[in-house]
């Protein structure tokens, strides 16, 4: 009965968050979803929702989302070519849990991990 999941992450500034996801990661804003304190972005078959939390301290933010892909090497290469910063401990690698993955941080320190099954 469950069909999909749309994670909700905190953001301090809607314009900065939208710019990062659209310009650097290739997402787009959900059509018809322009809300003052809420942002919905999508790419391919996923959506990520953001709620305004102006007092968020990025150093204490533990927001995380795991995004599965079927083209991990190409995605990683594209992000490197666009000069997107990869998390220092999250460069592309095969993990013991049978995933090939990498991670990056958004402007509010939300951790995005991209993975593909080995």
Protein backbone atom coordinates (compact mmCIF):
# COMPACT_ATOMS: atom_id res chain seq x y z
CA UNK A 1 0.00 0.00 0.00
CA UNK A 2 2.92 2.39 0.45
CA UNK A 3 3.93 3.97 -2.85
CA UNK A 4 6.70 6.52 -2.28
CA UNK A 5 8.51 8.59 0.32
CA UNK A 6 9.22 12.32 0.26
CA UNK A 7 11.70 13.35 2.95
CA UNK A 8 11.28 16.71 4.69
CA UNK A 9 14.46 18.58 5.56
CA UNK A 10 15.05 21.92 7.30
CA UNK A 11 16.23 25.00 5.42
CA UNK A 12 17.26 28.45 6.65
CA UNK A 13 16.73 30.32 3.41
CA UNK A 14 14.40 29.20 0.64
CA UNK A 15 16.26 31.05 -2.14
CA UNK A 16 19.65 29.62 -1.19
CA UNK A 17 18.25 26.09 -0.88
CA UNK A 18 16.39 26.31 -4.19
CA UNK A 19 19.47 27.71 -5.94
CA UNK A 20 21.69 24.89 -4.68
CA UNK A 21 19.34 22.08 -5.67
CA UNK A 22 18.34 23.58 -9.02
CA UNK A 23 21.64 25.02 -10.24
CA UNK A 24 24.07 22.52 -8.79
CA UNK A 25 22.12 19.25 -8.54
CA UNK A 26 19.73 19.59 -11.49
CA UNK A 27 16.44 19.50 -9.61
CA UNK A 28 13.52 21.78 -10.46
CA UNK A 29 10.82 23.37 -8.35
CA UNK A 30 7.57 21.45 -8.34
CA UNK A 31 5.15 23.21 -10.69
CA UNK A 32 2.40 25.08 -8.86
CA UNK A 33 4.02 24.61 -5.46
CA UNK A 34 5.14 28.12 -4.48
CA UNK A 35 4.70 28.45 -0.72
CA UNK A 36 6.21 31.08 1.58
CA UNK A 37 7.86 28.78 4.12
CA UNK A 38 7.94 25.52 2.20
CA UNK A 39 9.83 24.27 -0.86
CA UNK A 40 9.31 21.16 -2.97
CA UNK A 41 11.95 20.18 -5.51
CA UNK A 42 11.99 17.15 -7.77
CA UNK A 43 14.20 15.27 -10.18
CA UNK A 44 13.39 12.10 -12.07
CA UNK A 45 11.18 10.08 -9.70
CA UNK A 46 11.98 11.73 -6.38
CA UNK A 47 10.85 14.77 -4.44
CA UNK A 48 12.46 16.44 -1.46
CA UNK A 49 10.42 18.79 0.71
CA UNK A 50 11.94 21.58 2.81
CA UNK A 51 10.44 23.53 5.68
CA UNK A 52 11.67 26.93 6.84
CA UNK A 53 13.66 26.82 10.06
CA UNK A 54 15.44 30.19 10.21
CA UNK A 55 17.13 29.47 13.56
CA UNK A 56 18.66 26.21 12.39
CA UNK A 57 22.27 25.78 13.46
CA UNK A 58 23.90 23.90 10.55
CA UNK A 59 26.53 22.48 12.90
CA UNK A 60 23.87 20.65 14.89
CA UNK A 61 21.66 19.66 11.95
CA UNK A 62 21.43 15.92 11.44
CA UNK A 63 19.07 15.94 8.43
CA UNK A 64 19.93 13.07 6.10
CA UNK A 65 18.45 11.40 3.05
CA UNK A 66 19.61 8.37 1.05
CA UNK A 67 18.88 8.61 -2.68
CA UNK A 68 19.15 5.52 -4.86
CA UNK A 69 20.36 5.81 -8.43
CA UNK A 70 21.03 3.43 -11.29
CA UNK A 71 23.90 5.51 -12.73
CA UNK A 72 26.12 6.29 -9.74
CA UNK A 73 29.36 6.71 -11.69
CA UNK A 74 27.83 9.12 -14.21
CA UNK A 75 26.07 11.13 -11.48
CA UNK A 76 29.31 11.43 -9.49
CA UNK A 77 31.27 12.50 -12.59
CA UNK A 78 28.63 15.10 -13.53
CA UNK A 79 28.68 16.62 -10.04
CA UNK A 80 32.48 16.76 -10.02
CA UNK A 81 32.42 18.44 -13.44
CA UNK A 82 30.01 21.03 -12.04
CA UNK A 83 32.36 21.62 -9.10
CA UNK A 84 29.86 20.38 -6.50
CA UNK A 85 31.70 19.78 -3.24
CA UNK A 86 31.72 16.12 -2.20
CA UNK A 87 31.76 15.40 1.53
CA UNK A 88 35.39 14.86 2.64
CA UNK A 89 34.51 11.42 4.05
CA UNK A 90 32.03 10.60 1.30
CA UNK A 91 33.88 10.17 -1.97
CA UNK A 92 32.64 7.49 -4.35
CA UNK A 93 33.46 4.04 -3.01
CA UNK A 94 32.16 0.50 -2.72
CA UNK A 95 30.86 -0.04 0.81
CA UNK A 96 30.74 -3.28 2.85
CA UNK A 97 26.90 -3.09 2.80
CA UNK A 98 26.97 -3.82 -0.95
CA UNK A 99 26.42 -0.24 -2.07
CA UNK A 100 28.52 2.01 -4.28
CA UNK A 101 27.92 5.48 -2.87
CA UNK A 102 29.04 9.04 -2.21
CA UNK A 103 27.78 11.91 -0.08
CA UNK A 104 27.57 15.69 -0.07
CA UNK A 105 26.18 18.42 2.17
CA UNK A 106 23.63 21.05 1.18
CA UNK A 107 23.85 24.68 2.42
CA UNK A 108 22.10 23.73 5.70
CA UNK A 109 24.32 20.72 6.38
CA UNK A 110 21.69 18.18 5.33
CA UNK A 111 23.61 15.07 4.26
CA UNK A 112 22.67 13.65 0.86
CA UNK A 113 23.99 10.16 0.18
CA UNK A 114 23.60 8.71 -3.31
CA UNK A 115 23.87 4.95 -3.68
CA UNK A 116 23.62 2.08 -6.12
CA UNK A 117 23.53 -1.63 -5.31
CA UNK A 118 26.62 -3.59 -6.27
